Protein backbone atom coordinates (compact mmCIF):
# COMPACT_ATOMS: atom_id res chain seq x y z
CA MET A 1 -0.33 43.93 2.83
CA SER A 2 1.50 45.09 -0.98
CA PHE A 3 -0.20 45.48 -4.11
CA ASP A 4 1.58 43.10 -6.12
CA HIS A 5 -0.26 41.01 -3.55
CA LEU A 6 -3.51 42.78 -3.93
CA SER A 7 -2.93 42.53 -7.34
CA SER A 8 -2.27 38.66 -7.83
CA LEU A 9 -5.11 38.69 -5.96
CA GLU A 10 -7.95 40.32 -8.18
CA ALA A 11 -6.64 38.33 -10.43
CA GLN A 12 -7.74 34.93 -9.81
CA PRO A 13 -10.74 33.33 -10.84
CA PRO A 14 -13.85 34.31 -8.41
CA GLN A 15 -14.35 30.66 -8.19
CA TYR A 16 -11.03 29.30 -6.65
CA ARG A 17 -10.61 33.09 -3.69
CA ASP A 18 -11.44 31.26 -0.34
CA ASP A 19 -12.84 28.47 -1.61
CA PRO A 20 -12.59 25.88 0.78
CA GLU A 21 -13.27 22.94 -1.60
CA THR A 22 -11.07 23.83 -4.19
CA ARG A 23 -8.40 24.09 -1.07
CA ASP A 24 -9.41 20.55 -0.09
CA ASP A 25 -9.02 19.07 -3.61
CA GLN A 26 -5.35 20.79 -3.72
CA GLU A 27 -4.55 19.28 -0.25
CA PHE A 28 -5.45 15.82 -1.35
CA ASN A 29 -3.58 15.99 -4.32
CA ASN A 30 -0.89 17.48 -3.01
CA PHE A 31 -0.91 14.60 -0.68
CA ALA A 32 -1.15 12.02 -3.13
CA GLU A 33 1.58 13.13 -5.20
CA ASN A 34 3.80 12.95 -2.79
CA LEU A 35 2.56 9.78 -0.89
CA SER A 36 3.36 8.31 -4.53
CA VAL A 37 7.06 9.95 -5.18
CA GLN A 38 8.10 8.32 -1.53
CA LEU A 39 6.64 4.83 -2.74
CA PHE A 40 8.71 4.98 -5.54
CA GLY A 41 11.47 5.47 -3.42
CA LEU A 42 10.96 2.64 -1.50
CA THR A 43 10.36 0.92 -4.79
CA SER A 44 14.28 2.12 -5.77
CA SER A 45 15.36 0.99 -2.19
CA ILE A 46 13.94 -2.60 -2.60
CA SER A 47 15.52 -3.18 -5.49
CA ARG A 48 19.26 -2.29 -4.42
CA LEU A 49 18.08 -4.54 -1.53
CA SER A 50 17.49 -7.38 -3.70
CA GLN A 51 21.09 -7.39 -5.39
CA GLN A 52 22.93 -6.63 -2.43
CA ILE A 53 20.96 -10.10 -0.26
CA ALA A 54 21.48 -12.15 -3.99
CA LEU A 55 25.47 -11.26 -2.77
CA LEU A 56 25.13 -13.14 1.15
CA GLY A 57 26.60 -16.43 1.16
CA THR A 58 28.45 -16.18 -2.25
CA ARG A 59 32.52 -15.60 -2.64
CA ARG A 60 31.44 -11.73 -3.11
CA ASP A 61 30.15 -11.94 0.69
CA THR A 62 31.78 -9.55 2.91
CA GLU A 63 30.84 -7.51 5.93
CA ARG A 64 31.04 -4.47 3.59
CA VAL A 65 27.86 -6.15 2.07
CA ARG A 66 26.31 -7.46 5.54
CA GLU A 67 26.90 -3.71 6.69
CA ARG A 68 24.75 -2.08 3.40
CA VAL A 69 22.15 -4.64 3.83
CA SER A 70 21.62 -3.74 7.51
CA ASP A 71 21.56 0.05 6.11
CA LEU A 72 19.41 -0.68 3.27
CA LEU A 73 16.46 -3.23 5.87
CA GLU A 74 16.96 -0.26 8.12
CA GLU A 75 16.40 1.98 5.44
CA THR A 76 13.83 0.47 3.73
CA ARG A 77 11.89 -0.45 6.72
CA ASP A 78 11.62 3.31 8.13
CA GLY A 79 10.43 4.15 5.23
CA PHE A 80 7.49 1.72 5.88
CA LYS A 81 6.47 2.81 8.67
CA ASP A 82 6.57 6.60 7.76
CA VAL A 83 4.32 5.82 4.36
CA GLY A 84 2.37 3.37 6.43
CA GLU A 85 1.10 6.00 8.93
CA LYS A 86 0.43 8.85 5.70
CA MET A 87 -1.77 6.13 3.81
CA ARG A 88 -4.05 5.83 7.06
CA LYS A 89 -4.22 9.95 6.66
CA LEU A 90 -4.63 8.94 3.03
CA ALA A 91 -7.55 7.06 3.45
CA ALA A 92 -9.72 7.84 6.26
CA TRP A 93 -9.92 11.25 3.84
CA GLU A 94 -13.32 12.94 4.49
CA ASP A 95 -15.24 13.58 2.03
CA VAL A 96 -14.03 12.01 -1.47
CA ASN A 97 -15.03 12.70 -5.08
CA ALA A 98 -15.10 9.27 -6.85
CA SER A 99 -11.86 10.25 -8.88
CA GLN A 100 -10.58 10.69 -5.50
CA LYS A 101 -11.71 7.20 -4.15
CA TYR A 102 -10.04 6.14 -7.04
CA THR A 103 -6.35 7.72 -5.85
CA GLN A 104 -7.04 6.06 -2.71
CA GLN A 105 -7.49 3.07 -3.96
CA LYS A 106 -4.35 3.18 -6.65
CA LEU A 107 -2.24 4.22 -3.72
CA SER A 108 -3.22 1.37 -1.49
CA ARG A 109 -2.47 -1.58 -4.17
CA GLU A 110 1.01 -0.43 -4.55
CA PHE A 111 1.61 0.22 -0.85
CA GLN A 112 0.50 -3.95 -0.82
CA ALA A 113 2.96 -4.47 -3.07
CA SER A 114 5.75 -3.00 -2.26
CA GLY A 115 4.76 -4.01 1.19
CA SER A 116 4.52 -7.86 -0.06
CA GLU A 117 7.78 -7.55 -1.94
CA PHE A 118 9.60 -5.96 0.74
CA GLN A 119 8.31 -8.73 2.97
CA THR A 120 10.12 -11.26 0.88
CA ILE A 121 13.02 -9.73 0.14
CA GLN A 122 13.52 -9.49 4.35
CA ARG A 123 12.53 -13.14 4.94
CA GLN A 124 15.73 -13.96 2.14
CA ALA A 125 18.16 -12.33 4.98
CA ILE A 126 16.64 -14.14 7.58
CA GLU A 127 17.89 -17.27 6.11
CA LYS A 128 20.18 -16.65 4.38
CA GLN A 129 22.03 -14.73 7.70
CA ARG A 130 20.32 -17.78 9.75
CA ALA A 131 22.34 -20.16 7.57
CA SER A 132 25.71 -18.09 7.83
CA ALA A 133 25.49 -17.50 11.45
CA SER A 134 24.88 -22.01 11.25
CA ALA A 135 27.98 -22.46 9.11
CA ALA A 136 30.39 -20.56 11.66
CA ARG A 137 29.31 -22.34 14.22
CA THR A 138 30.05 -25.86 12.83
CA ALA A 139 33.46 -24.49 11.40
CA ILE A 140 34.31 -23.15 15.00
CA ASP A 141 33.29 -26.81 16.34
CA ALA A 142 35.06 -28.46 13.70
CA SER A 143 38.68 -26.67 14.28
CA ASP A 144 40.82 -28.15 16.65
CA PRO A 145 44.58 -26.81 16.11
CA SER A 146 46.39 -29.96 18.06
CA SER A 147 45.52 -31.84 14.60
CA LEU A 148 47.28 -29.33 12.55
CA LEU A 149 50.59 -31.58 14.74
CA GLN A 150 52.26 -34.51 14.25
CA TYR A 151 54.01 -35.32 17.43
CA SER A 152 57.17 -36.58 17.98
CA ASP A 153 58.94 -38.55 20.39
CA GLU A 154 61.69 -37.13 21.09
CA PRO A 155 61.55 -34.18 24.29
CA GLN A 156 63.11 -30.95 23.04
CA GLN A 157 60.85 -31.57 19.73
CA GLN A 158 57.70 -32.66 21.88
CA GLN A 159 58.86 -28.88 23.74
CA ALA A 160 58.71 -27.42 20.98
CA GLN A 161 55.36 -28.77 19.10
CA LEU A 162 53.33 -28.11 22.75
CA GLN A 163 54.72 -24.02 22.06
CA GLU A 164 53.56 -24.42 18.98
CA GLN A 165 50.86 -25.70 19.97
CA GLU A 166 49.77 -22.97 22.37
CA GLN A 167 50.81 -20.23 19.87
CA LEU A 168 48.68 -22.25 17.03
CA ARG A 169 45.43 -22.12 20.39
CA LEU A 170 45.69 -18.77 21.55
CA ALA A 171 45.51 -17.68 17.58
CA SER A 172 43.07 -19.96 16.86
CA GLN A 173 40.80 -18.25 19.72
CA ASP A 174 40.94 -15.27 19.21
CA GLU A 175 39.07 -15.99 15.46
CA VAL A 176 36.66 -18.03 17.37
CA ASP A 177 36.24 -15.14 19.53
CA PHE A 178 36.35 -12.75 16.73
CA GLN A 179 33.52 -15.18 14.46
CA GLU A 180 31.49 -15.63 17.81
CA SER A 181 31.12 -11.72 17.78
CA LEU A 182 29.98 -11.73 14.37
CA ILE A 183 27.38 -14.56 14.58
CA VAL A 184 25.59 -12.72 17.96
CA GLU A 185 25.86 -9.74 15.51
CA ARG A 186 23.82 -11.56 12.42
CA GLU A 187 21.55 -13.70 15.64
CA ALA A 188 20.60 -9.93 16.54
CA GLU A 189 20.30 -9.01 13.06
CA ILE A 190 17.90 -11.74 12.34
CA ARG A 191 15.73 -11.15 15.81
CA ASN A 192 15.58 -7.04 14.95
CA ILE A 193 13.89 -8.21 11.19
CA GLU A 194 11.32 -11.04 12.43
CA THR A 195 10.63 -8.39 14.74
CA SER A 196 9.70 -5.62 11.85
CA VAL A 197 8.13 -8.12 9.71
CA GLY A 198 5.86 -8.68 12.70
CA GLU A 199 5.21 -4.43 12.93
CA LEU A 200 4.93 -4.05 9.02
CA ASN A 201 2.68 -6.90 8.79
CA GLU A 202 0.35 -5.22 11.07
CA LEU A 203 0.60 -1.88 9.27
CA PHE A 204 -0.70 -3.53 6.31
CA ARG A 205 -3.32 -5.20 7.80
CA ASP A 206 -4.56 -1.53 9.11
CA VAL A 207 -4.36 -0.24 5.79
CA ALA A 208 -5.83 -2.73 4.33
CA HIS A 209 -9.39 -2.83 6.69
CA ILE A 210 -9.22 0.68 6.31
CA VAL A 211 -9.38 0.73 2.27
CA HIS A 212 -11.58 -2.33 2.46
CA GLU A 213 -14.15 -0.22 5.07
CA GLN A 214 -13.89 3.21 2.79
CA GLY A 215 -14.71 1.09 -0.44
CA ALA A 216 -17.91 -0.57 0.83
CA GLN A 217 -19.19 2.75 1.99
CA LEU A 218 -18.64 4.07 -1.41
CA ASP A 219 -20.67 0.83 -2.60
CA THR A 220 -23.20 1.86 -0.25
CA ILE A 221 -23.19 5.35 -2.13
CA ASP A 222 -23.04 3.60 -5.40
CA GLY A 223 -25.52 1.49 -4.59
CA ASN A 224 -28.42 3.68 -3.18
CA VAL A 225 -27.43 6.75 -6.32
CA GLN A 226 -28.50 3.29 -8.71
CA ASN A 227 -31.41 2.61 -7.10
CA VAL A 228 -32.68 6.22 -7.29
CA ALA A 229 -32.06 6.22 -10.86
CA VAL A 230 -33.66 3.23 -11.41
CA ASP A 231 -36.66 4.22 -9.47
CA THR A 232 -36.72 7.56 -11.47
CA ARG A 233 -36.90 6.19 -14.76
CA HIS A 234 -39.73 3.80 -13.41
CA ALA A 235 -41.28 6.66 -12.16
CA ASP A 236 -40.72 8.55 -15.69
CA ILE A 237 -42.42 5.27 -17.18
CA GLU A 238 -45.21 5.45 -14.60
CA LEU A 239 -45.86 8.99 -15.44
CA ARG A 240 -45.30 8.58 -19.21
CA SER A 241 -48.14 6.36 -19.17
CA ALA A 242 -50.53 8.47 -17.19
CA ASN A 243 -49.86 11.07 -19.25
CA ARG A 244 -50.55 8.86 -22.18
CA TYR A 245 -53.49 7.32 -20.44
CA GLN A 246 -54.76 11.44 -19.72
CA LYS A 247 -54.79 11.51 -23.15
CA SER A 248 -56.77 8.81 -24.14
CA ALA A 249 -59.20 10.22 -21.93
CA ARG A 250 -59.30 13.20 -22.92
CA GLY A 251 -60.18 12.34 -26.67
CA LYS A 252 -62.84 9.81 -25.63
CA ALA A 253 -64.58 13.06 -24.02
CA CYS A 254 -64.52 14.55 -26.61
CA CYS A 255 -65.49 12.12 -29.09
CA LEU A 256 -68.31 11.92 -26.12
CA LEU A 257 -69.48 15.41 -25.88
CA ILE A 258 -69.06 15.59 -29.99
CA ILE A 259 -72.03 12.56 -30.09
CA LEU A 260 -73.95 14.01 -27.76
CA ALA A 261 -73.75 17.16 -29.35
CA VAL A 262 -75.03 15.61 -32.93
CA VAL A 263 -77.82 13.95 -31.11
CA LEU A 264 -79.17 16.91 -29.75
CA VAL A 265 -78.89 18.44 -32.84
CA ILE A 266 -80.91 16.26 -34.43
CA ILE A 267 -83.38 16.10 -31.84
CA ILE A 268 -83.60 19.55 -31.61
CA LEU A 269 -84.10 19.21 -35.63
CA ALA A 270 -86.87 16.81 -35.04
CA ALA A 271 -88.59 18.94 -32.64
CA VAL A 272 -88.64 21.60 -34.87
CA LEU A 273 -89.47 20.61 -38.07
CA GLY A 274 -92.05 18.54 -36.45
């Protein structure tokens, strides 16, 4: 160990060196602060996601927009799962004081609020993906290349029209296949979002349950403290009453002794003078 390190240890106040309680408090504060930063990041991700989902189904809807929506959904889902596990750890933290309990409940409320907003955003994404897939299927079913052609009675023209129809059919089939692949991708994304909604709902319920239990325990402790305080006040009142009664009794005893002494003196004087 270097001389500088020894000097730094000696420079620390005695009450902060090797104090387990102080170390636990600092660990809790650091953990809660990092968690708060992550929650802020999730809020920013939700805001960006909302902006991109608003473009779905509009003239600005492109494959690039859908890719960004998919990436943001996955990134935000993973973020909530990570923060949710940390919220469980924070909510189950042992031996917390009143200030730390307030921090637990505050971060839990923020987590629940952000989670609720994200679940709403995911449902909007599902609705727009379903609408888009349904519209694409309707367009495919309604497409008929032969309806674009006008048939002629002349054999040569009929042959040319048949060739043109075949070309249109092949081109249309390629477009149909492409659109079908897009529909399959969107339906897979819908199923993925629906699964995520269920998983996150379970996570939010678990965190809320833990926080509720911790809050009930804190209420019990607070109630016991209040009961002790009330009992202490009642005991103090009773002690004061007993003290006043004791002082009054002593005063009455003194008066009685004085009266007896006076009577005794009078009796003695009477006997002597008589």
